Amino acid sequence: MPHARHATRADAARLGRALAEAFRTDPVWRWIAPDRARWDAHAQASFTADVRSALQKGHVYTTDDRAGAAMWSPPGVGRGIDLAKLRSGLTVARLLGPRRLAPGIRILQAMEKAHPRREHWYLAMLGTHPDHQGRGVGSAVLAPVLDRCDRDGTPAYLESSNPANVPFYEHHGFVVTGSIQVAGSPPIDTMWREPRPPHEVGPAVEAVRAEAR
């Protein structure tokens, strides 16, 4: 089982590359960034900037081989603009290009409108390089924060841009609470997780968490 650890700035470029490959076939990303040549030119830089931004105030977990990452914002941390987020936004603009920037902004606005007001841990992004999918990387990088949520009695929230990933999140205790969609876009599922009492956490999940500690 992969070992999860806190990511550092030294991991950012490798994680940016892994995330760019992870989201290459994502339905929502393909809708807002359909130009594959532009994706190849700018996706890695964009996701690398996202990782660096998340490291400023959030919690980023990866594995020793940097095959994937989970980027979390803790309760009480605002999602306002800072320098790191501004840089991240500029790289996204280059990735989308002028014709797709407006649809991308509409998606972000819809996500912000749907975001719960109750305090929670927010999973901003989770991705695993395709060459490493199915090996427990996603479960490993989720485990440290979900374990903390269960200990502290804190809920968690995410948006899933790929319906194929919903069963994975349901396995970890999330439930679908709604759907986000703008004109012509694929749906994005909103998912919420209440903290689990220890007796409700399955042995498989406990094993992953023990390995990730």
C-alpha atoms as a PDB file:
ATOM      1  CA  MET A   1       0.000   0.000   0.000  1.00  0.00           C
ATOM      2  CA  PRO A   2       1.443   3.443  -0.893  1.00  0.00           C
ATOM      3  CA  HIS A   3       2.706   5.642   1.911  1.00  0.00           C
ATOM      4  CA  ALA A   4       1.197   9.137   2.177  1.00  0.00           C
ATOM      5  CA  ARG A   5       3.184  12.162   3.310  1.00  0.00           C
ATOM      6  CA  HIS A   6       2.963  15.944   3.255  1.00  0.00           C
ATOM      7  CA  ALA A   7       4.046  17.382  -0.084  1.00  0.00           C
ATOM      8  CA  THR A   8       6.607  20.182  -0.293  1.00  0.00           C
ATOM      9  CA  ARG A   9       7.479  22.801  -2.891  1.00  0.00           C
ATOM     10  CA  ALA A  10      10.133  20.413  -4.192  1.00  0.00           C
ATOM     11  CA  ASP A  11       7.319  18.048  -5.201  1.00  0.00           C
ATOM     12  CA  ALA A  12       5.275  20.646  -7.084  1.00  0.00           C
ATOM     13  CA  ALA A  13       6.552  20.084 -10.629  1.00  0.00           C
ATOM     14  CA  ARG A  14       6.293  16.293 -10.427  1.00  0.00           C
ATOM     15  CA  LEU A  15       2.808  16.537  -8.971  1.00  0.00           C
ATOM     16  CA  GLY A  16       1.806  19.053 -11.632  1.00  0.00           C
ATOM     17  CA  ARG A  17       2.805  16.540 -14.285  1.00  0.00           C
ATOM     18  CA  ALA A  18       0.910  13.706 -12.563  1.00  0.00           C
ATOM     19  CA  LEU A  19      -2.233  15.828 -12.201  1.00  0.00           C
ATOM     20  CA  ALA A  20      -2.088  17.026 -15.811  1.00  0.00           C
ATOM     21  CA  GLU A  21      -2.121  13.395 -16.933  1.00  0.00           C
ATOM     22  CA  ALA A  22      -4.784  12.448 -14.381  1.00  0.00           C
ATOM     23  CA  PHE A  23      -7.221  15.097 -15.640  1.00  0.00           C
ATOM     24  CA  ARG A  24      -6.424  14.767 -19.350  1.00  0.00           C
ATOM     25  CA  THR A  25      -9.592  12.706 -19.971  1.00  0.00           C
ATOM     26  CA  ASP A  26     -11.750  14.282 -17.252  1.00  0.00           C
ATOM     27  CA  PRO A  27     -15.168  15.188 -18.756  1.00  0.00           C
ATOM     28  CA  VAL A  28     -15.338  18.711 -17.332  1.00  0.00           C
ATOM     29  CA  TRP A  29     -11.732  19.552 -18.146  1.00  0.00           C
ATOM     30  CA  ARG A  30     -12.204  18.270 -21.689  1.00  0.00           C
ATOM     31  CA  TRP A  31     -15.251  20.532 -22.010  1.00  0.00           C
ATOM     32  CA  ILE A  32     -13.570  23.704 -20.768  1.00  0.00           C
ATOM     33  CA  ALA A  33     -10.154  22.932 -22.323  1.00  0.00           C
ATOM     34  CA  PRO A  34     -10.831  20.929 -25.506  1.00  0.00           C
ATOM     35  CA  ASP A  35      -7.699  22.088 -27.350  1.00  0.00           C
ATOM     36  CA  ARG A  36      -5.276  19.195 -26.819  1.00  0.00           C
ATOM     37  CA  ALA A  37      -2.279  21.120 -28.163  1.00  0.00           C
ATOM     38  CA  ARG A  38      -2.964  23.897 -25.643  1.00  0.00           C
ATOM     39  CA  TRP A  39      -3.368  21.258 -22.938  1.00  0.00           C
ATOM     40  CA  ASP A  40      -0.002  19.711 -23.785  1.00  0.00           C
ATOM     41  CA  ALA A  41       1.624  23.148 -23.744  1.00  0.00           C
ATOM     42  CA  HIS A  42       0.120  24.543 -20.540  1.00  0.00           C
ATOM     43  CA  ALA A  43      -1.556  21.887 -18.354  1.00  0.00           C
ATOM     44  CA  GLN A  44       1.519  20.884 -16.379  1.00  0.00           C
ATOM     45  CA  ALA A  45       2.375  24.506 -15.550  1.00  0.00           C
ATOM     46  CA  SER A  46      -1.228  25.164 -14.541  1.00  0.00           C
ATOM     47  CA  PHE A  47      -1.477  22.200 -12.178  1.00  0.00           C
ATOM     48  CA  THR A  48       1.991  22.904 -10.779  1.00  0.00           C
ATOM     49  CA  ALA A  49       0.793  26.411  -9.918  1.00  0.00           C
ATOM     50  CA  ASP A  50      -2.291  24.886  -8.266  1.00  0.00           C
ATOM     51  CA  VAL A  51      -0.073  22.709  -6.077  1.00  0.00           C
ATOM     52  CA  ARG A  52       2.100  25.668  -5.071  1.00  0.00           C
ATOM     53  CA  SER A  53      -0.997  27.704  -4.259  1.00  0.00           C
ATOM     54  CA  ALA A  54      -2.446  24.895  -2.137  1.00  0.00           C
ATOM     55  CA  LEU A  55       0.819  24.547  -0.234  1.00  0.00           C
ATOM     56  CA  GLN A  56       0.531  28.174   0.932  1.00  0.00           C
ATOM     57  CA  LYS A  57      -2.483  27.673   3.208  1.00  0.00           C
ATOM     58  CA  GLY A  58      -3.731  24.160   2.679  1.00  0.00           C
ATOM     59  CA  HIS A  59      -2.632  20.599   3.119  1.00  0.00           C
ATOM     60  CA  VAL A  60      -1.226  18.667   0.169  1.00  0.00           C
ATOM     61  CA  TYR A  61      -0.575  14.954   0.501  1.00  0.00           C
ATOM     62  CA  THR A  62       1.309  12.781  -1.941  1.00  0.00           C
ATOM     63  CA  THR A  63       3.066   9.420  -2.021  1.00  0.00           C
ATOM     64  CA  ASP A  64       6.784   8.703  -1.984  1.00  0.00           C
ATOM     65  CA  ASP A  65       6.791   8.211  -5.765  1.00  0.00           C
ATOM     66  CA  ARG A  66       4.696  11.393  -6.260  1.00  0.00           C
ATOM     67  CA  ALA A  67       2.187   9.440  -8.352  1.00  0.00           C
ATOM     68  CA  GLY A  68      -0.750  11.554  -7.199  1.00  0.00           C
ATOM     69  CA  ALA A  69      -1.922  14.202  -4.782  1.00  0.00           C
ATOM     70  CA  ALA A  70      -4.814  15.335  -2.627  1.00  0.00           C
ATOM     71  CA  MET A  71      -5.120  19.078  -2.036  1.00  0.00           C
ATOM     72  CA  TRP A  72      -7.195  20.136   0.964  1.00  0.00           C
ATOM     73  CA  SER A  73      -8.306  23.437   2.475  1.00  0.00           C
ATOM     74  CA  PRO A  74      -8.943  23.219   6.235  1.00  0.00           C
ATOM     75  CA  PRO A  75     -11.961  24.739   7.991  1.00  0.00           C
ATOM     76  CA  GLY A  76     -11.803  28.491   8.372  1.00  0.00           C
ATOM     77  CA  VAL A  77      -9.335  29.078   5.543  1.00  0.00           C
ATOM     78  CA  GLY A  78     -10.792  31.551   3.079  1.00  0.00           C
ATOM     79  CA  ARG A  79     -10.762  30.953  -0.640  1.00  0.00           C
ATOM     80  CA  GLY A  80      -9.912  34.564  -1.464  1.00  0.00           C
ATOM     81  CA  ILE A  81      -7.221  35.644  -3.916  1.00  0.00           C
ATOM     82  CA  ASP A  82      -3.574  35.793  -2.868  1.00  0.00           C
ATOM     83  CA  LEU A  83      -0.405  35.993  -4.936  1.00  0.00           C
ATOM     84  CA  ALA A  84      -0.109  32.219  -5.303  1.00  0.00           C
ATOM     85  CA  LYS A  85      -3.729  31.924  -6.422  1.00  0.00           C
ATOM     86  CA  LEU A  86      -3.285  34.819  -8.827  1.00  0.00           C
ATOM     87  CA  ARG A  87      -0.352  33.033 -10.441  1.00  0.00           C
ATOM     88  CA  SER A  88      -2.424  29.859 -10.589  1.00  0.00           C
ATOM     89  CA  GLY A  89      -5.271  31.771 -12.232  1.00  0.00           C
ATOM     90  CA  LEU A  90      -2.962  33.196 -14.871  1.00  0.00           C
ATOM     91  CA  THR A  91      -1.723  29.736 -15.820  1.00  0.00           C
ATOM     92  CA  VAL A  92      -5.315  28.489 -16.064  1.00  0.00           C
ATOM     93  CA  ALA A  93      -6.107  31.390 -18.398  1.00  0.00           C
ATOM     94  CA  ARG A  94      -3.250  30.328 -20.667  1.00  0.00           C
ATOM     95  CA  LEU A  95      -4.464  26.733 -20.538  1.00  0.00           C
ATOM     96  CA  LEU A  96      -8.050  27.587 -21.471  1.00  0.00           C
ATOM     97  CA  GLY A  97      -7.331  30.307 -23.995  1.00  0.00           C
ATOM     98  CA  PRO A  98      -9.529  33.352 -24.660  1.00  0.00           C
ATOM     99  CA  ARG A  99     -12.445  31.416 -26.165  1.00  0.00           C
ATOM    100  CA  ARG A 100     -12.875  29.039 -23.221  1.00  0.00           C
ATOM    101  CA  LEU A 101     -12.088  31.406 -20.369  1.00  0.00           C
ATOM    102  CA  ALA A 102     -15.708  32.549 -19.947  1.00  0.00           C
ATOM    103  CA  PRO A 103     -17.103  28.983 -19.636  1.00  0.00           C
ATOM    104  CA  GLY A 104     -14.355  28.201 -17.134  1.00  0.00           C
ATOM    105  CA  ILE A 105     -15.309  31.231 -15.058  1.00  0.00           C
ATOM    106  CA  ARG A 106     -18.992  30.229 -15.155  1.00  0.00           C
ATOM    107  CA  ILE A 107     -18.104  26.788 -13.820  1.00  0.00           C
ATOM    108  CA  LEU A 108     -16.083  28.325 -10.963  1.00  0.00           C
ATOM    109  CA  GLN A 109     -18.906  30.739 -10.124  1.00  0.00           C
ATOM    110  CA  ALA A 110     -21.417  27.885 -10.001  1.00  0.00           C
ATOM    111  CA  MET A 111     -19.099  25.885  -7.752  1.00  0.00           C
ATOM    112  CA  GLU A 112     -18.689  28.850  -5.421  1.00  0.00           C
ATOM    113  CA  LYS A 113     -22.462  29.362  -5.244  1.00  0.00           C
ATOM    114  CA  ALA A 114     -23.000  25.701  -4.326  1.00  0.00           C
ATOM    115  CA  HIS A 115     -20.212  25.605  -1.740  1.00  0.00           C
ATOM    116  CA  PRO A 116     -21.532  24.776   1.761  1.00  0.00           C
ATOM    117  CA  ARG A 117     -21.324  27.466   4.425  1.00  0.00           C
ATOM    118  CA  ARG A 118     -20.944  25.000   7.289  1.00  0.00           C
ATOM    119  CA  GLU A 119     -17.310  24.583   8.327  1.00  0.00           C
ATOM    120  CA  HIS A 120     -15.603  21.606   6.726  1.00  0.00           C
ATOM    121  CA  TRP A 121     -12.455  20.275   5.126  1.00  0.00           C
ATOM    122  CA  TYR A 122     -12.576  20.934   1.381  1.00  0.00           C
ATOM    123  CA  LEU A 123     -10.971  18.514  -1.057  1.00  0.00           C
ATOM    124  CA  ALA A 124     -10.059  20.928  -3.828  1.00  0.00           C
ATOM    125  CA  MET A 125      -8.378  18.323  -6.026  1.00  0.00           C
ATOM    126  CA  LEU A 126      -7.461  14.646  -6.065  1.00  0.00           C
ATOM    127  CA  GLY A 127      -5.681  12.979  -8.947  1.00  0.00           C
ATOM    128  CA  THR A 128      -3.450  10.005  -9.708  1.00  0.00           C
ATOM    129  CA  HIS A 129      -1.248   9.540 -12.758  1.00  0.00           C
ATOM    130  CA  PRO A 130      -2.960   6.990 -15.062  1.00  0.00           C
ATOM    131  CA  ASP A 131       0.048   4.660 -14.867  1.00  0.00           C
ATOM    132  CA  HIS A 132      -0.509   4.330 -11.113  1.00  0.00           C
ATOM    133  CA  GLN A 133      -4.308   4.219 -10.887  1.00  0.00           C
ATOM    134  CA  GLY A 134      -5.865   1.223  -9.176  1.00  0.00           C
ATOM    135  CA  ARG A 135      -2.924   0.809  -6.786  1.00  0.00           C
ATOM    136  CA  GLY A 136      -4.338   2.593  -3.734  1.00  0.00           C
ATOM    137  CA  VAL A 137      -2.723   5.990  -4.293  1.00  0.00           C
ATOM    138  CA  GLY A 138      -6.013   7.892  -4.069  1.00  0.00           C
ATOM    139  CA  SER A 139      -7.068   6.120  -0.877  1.00  0.00           C
ATOM    140  CA  ALA A 140      -3.648   6.671   0.666  1.00  0.00           C
ATOM    141  CA  VAL A 141      -3.553  10.435   0.081  1.00  0.00           C
ATOM    142  CA  LEU A 142      -7.151  10.837   1.287  1.00  0.00           C
ATOM    143  CA  ALA A 143      -6.589   8.902   4.494  1.00  0.00           C
ATOM    144  CA  PRO A 144      -4.676  11.434   6.656  1.00  0.00           C
ATOM    145  CA  VAL A 145      -7.324  14.159   6.435  1.00  0.00           C
ATOM    146  CA  LEU A 146     -10.310  11.794   6.577  1.00  0.00           C
ATOM    147  CA  ASP A 147      -8.776  10.265   9.684  1.00  0.00           C
ATOM    148  CA  ARG A 148      -8.473  13.747  11.165  1.00  0.00           C
ATOM    149  CA  CYS A 149     -12.083  14.512  10.222  1.00  0.00           C
ATOM    150  CA  ASP A 150     -13.228  11.417  12.101  1.00  0.00           C
ATOM    151  CA  ARG A 151     -11.125  12.242  15.158  1.00  0.00           C
ATOM    152  CA  ASP A 152     -12.229  15.889  15.278  1.00  0.00           C
ATOM    153  CA  GLY A 153     -15.847  15.370  14.233  1.00  0.00           C
ATOM    154  CA  THR A 154     -15.481  17.573  11.142  1.00  0.00           C
ATOM    155  CA  PRO A 155     -17.302  17.055   7.824  1.00  0.00           C
ATOM    156  CA  ALA A 156     -15.624  17.083   4.406  1.00  0.00           C
ATOM    157  CA  TYR A 157     -16.786  18.320   1.000  1.00  0.00           C
ATOM    158  CA  LEU A 158     -15.725  17.861  -2.615  1.00  0.00           C
ATOM    159  CA  GLU A 159     -16.859  18.275  -6.207  1.00  0.00           C
ATOM    160  CA  SER A 160     -16.433  15.268  -8.495  1.00  0.00           C
ATOM    161  CA  SER A 161     -16.036  16.245 -12.139  1.00  0.00           C
ATOM    162  CA  ASN A 162     -16.062  12.626 -13.310  1.00  0.00           C
ATOM    163  CA  PRO A 163     -19.064  10.369 -12.553  1.00  0.00           C
ATOM    164  CA  ALA A 164     -16.773   7.339 -12.739  1.00  0.00           C
ATOM    165  CA  ASN A 165     -15.127   8.517  -9.505  1.00  0.00           C
ATOM    166  CA  VAL A 166     -18.332   8.773  -7.462  1.00  0.00           C
ATOM    167  CA  PRO A 167     -18.252   5.130  -6.233  1.00  0.00           C
ATOM    168  CA  PHE A 168     -14.668   5.645  -5.030  1.00  0.00           C
ATOM    169  CA  TYR A 169     -15.707   8.628  -2.930  1.00  0.00           C
ATOM    170  CA  GLU A 170     -18.823   6.827  -1.685  1.00  0.00           C
ATOM    171  CA  HIS A 171     -16.559   4.035  -0.470  1.00  0.00           C
ATOM    172  CA  HIS A 172     -14.802   6.630   1.677  1.00  0.00           C
ATOM    173  CA  GLY A 173     -18.036   7.893   3.198  1.00  0.00           C
ATOM    174  CA  PHE A 174     -19.072  10.719   0.850  1.00  0.00           C
ATOM    175  CA  VAL A 175     -22.632  11.005  -0.446  1.00  0.00           C
ATOM    176  CA  VAL A 176     -23.871  12.934  -3.476  1.00  0.00           C
ATOM    177  CA  THR A 177     -25.780  16.025  -2.359  1.00  0.00           C
ATOM    178  CA  GLY A 178     -26.379  17.820  -5.660  1.00  0.00           C
ATOM    179  CA  SER A 179     -25.186  18.584  -9.147  1.00  0.00           C
ATOM    180  CA  ILE A 180     -23.566  21.638 -10.723  1.00  0.00           C
ATOM    181  CA  GLN A 181     -24.011  22.336 -14.410  1.00  0.00           C
ATOM    182  CA  VAL A 182     -23.778  25.381 -16.648  1.00  0.00           C
ATOM    183  CA  ALA A 183     -25.085  25.625 -20.194  1.00  0.00           C
ATOM    184  CA  GLY A 184     -23.617  22.772 -22.201  1.00  0.00           C
ATOM    185  CA  SER A 185     -21.246  21.481 -19.517  1.00  0.00           C
ATOM    186  CA  PRO A 186     -21.033  17.958 -18.113  1.00  0.00           C
ATOM    187  CA  PRO A 187     -22.443  17.689 -14.580  1.00  0.00           C
ATOM    188  CA  ILE A 188     -20.286  18.046 -11.490  1.00  0.00           C
ATOM    189  CA  ASP A 189     -21.450  16.063  -8.459  1.00  0.00           C
ATOM    190  CA  THR A 190     -21.228  17.762  -5.073  1.00  0.00           C
ATOM    191  CA  MET A 191     -20.425  15.330  -2.272  1.00  0.00           C
ATOM    192  CA  TRP A 192     -20.501  15.656   1.506  1.00  0.00           C
ATOM    193  CA  ARG A 193     -19.043  13.416   4.192  1.00  0.00           C
ATOM    194  CA  GLU A 194     -20.081  13.410   7.824  1.00  0.00           C
ATOM    195  CA  PRO A 195     -17.376  12.209  10.219  1.00  0.00           C
ATOM    196  CA  ARG A 196     -17.518   8.502  10.904  1.00  0.00           C
ATOM    197  CA  PRO A 197     -17.478   7.033  14.407  1.00  0.00           C
ATOM    198  CA  PRO A 198     -14.648   4.498  14.707  1.00  0.00           C
ATOM    199  CA  HIS A 199     -17.010   1.499  14.671  1.00  0.00           C
ATOM    200  CA  GLU A 200     -18.405   2.566  11.276  1.00  0.00           C
ATOM    201  CA  VAL A 201     -15.035   2.671   9.522  1.00  0.00           C
ATOM    202  CA  GLY A 202     -14.426  -0.504   7.559  1.00  0.00           C
ATOM    203  CA  PRO A 203     -11.311  -2.654   8.057  1.00  0.00           C
ATOM    204  CA  ALA A 204     -10.029  -1.885   4.553  1.00  0.00           C
ATOM    205  CA  VAL A 205     -10.197   1.859   5.158  1.00  0.00           C
ATOM    206  CA  GLU A 206      -8.550   1.455   8.560  1.00  0.00           C
ATOM    207  CA  ALA A 207      -5.727  -0.505   6.945  1.00  0.00           C
ATOM    208  CA  VAL A 208      -5.141   2.276   4.415  1.00  0.00           C
ATOM    209  CA  ARG A 209      -5.142   4.896   7.149  1.00  0.00           C
ATOM    210  CA  ALA A 210      -2.730   2.916   9.301  1.00  0.00           C
ATOM    211  CA  GLU A 211      -0.366   2.603   6.351  1.00  0.00           C
ATOM    212  CA  ALA A 212      -0.629   6.344   5.622  1.00  0.00           C
ATOM    213  CA  ARG A 213       0.247   7.484   9.143  1.00  0.00           C
END
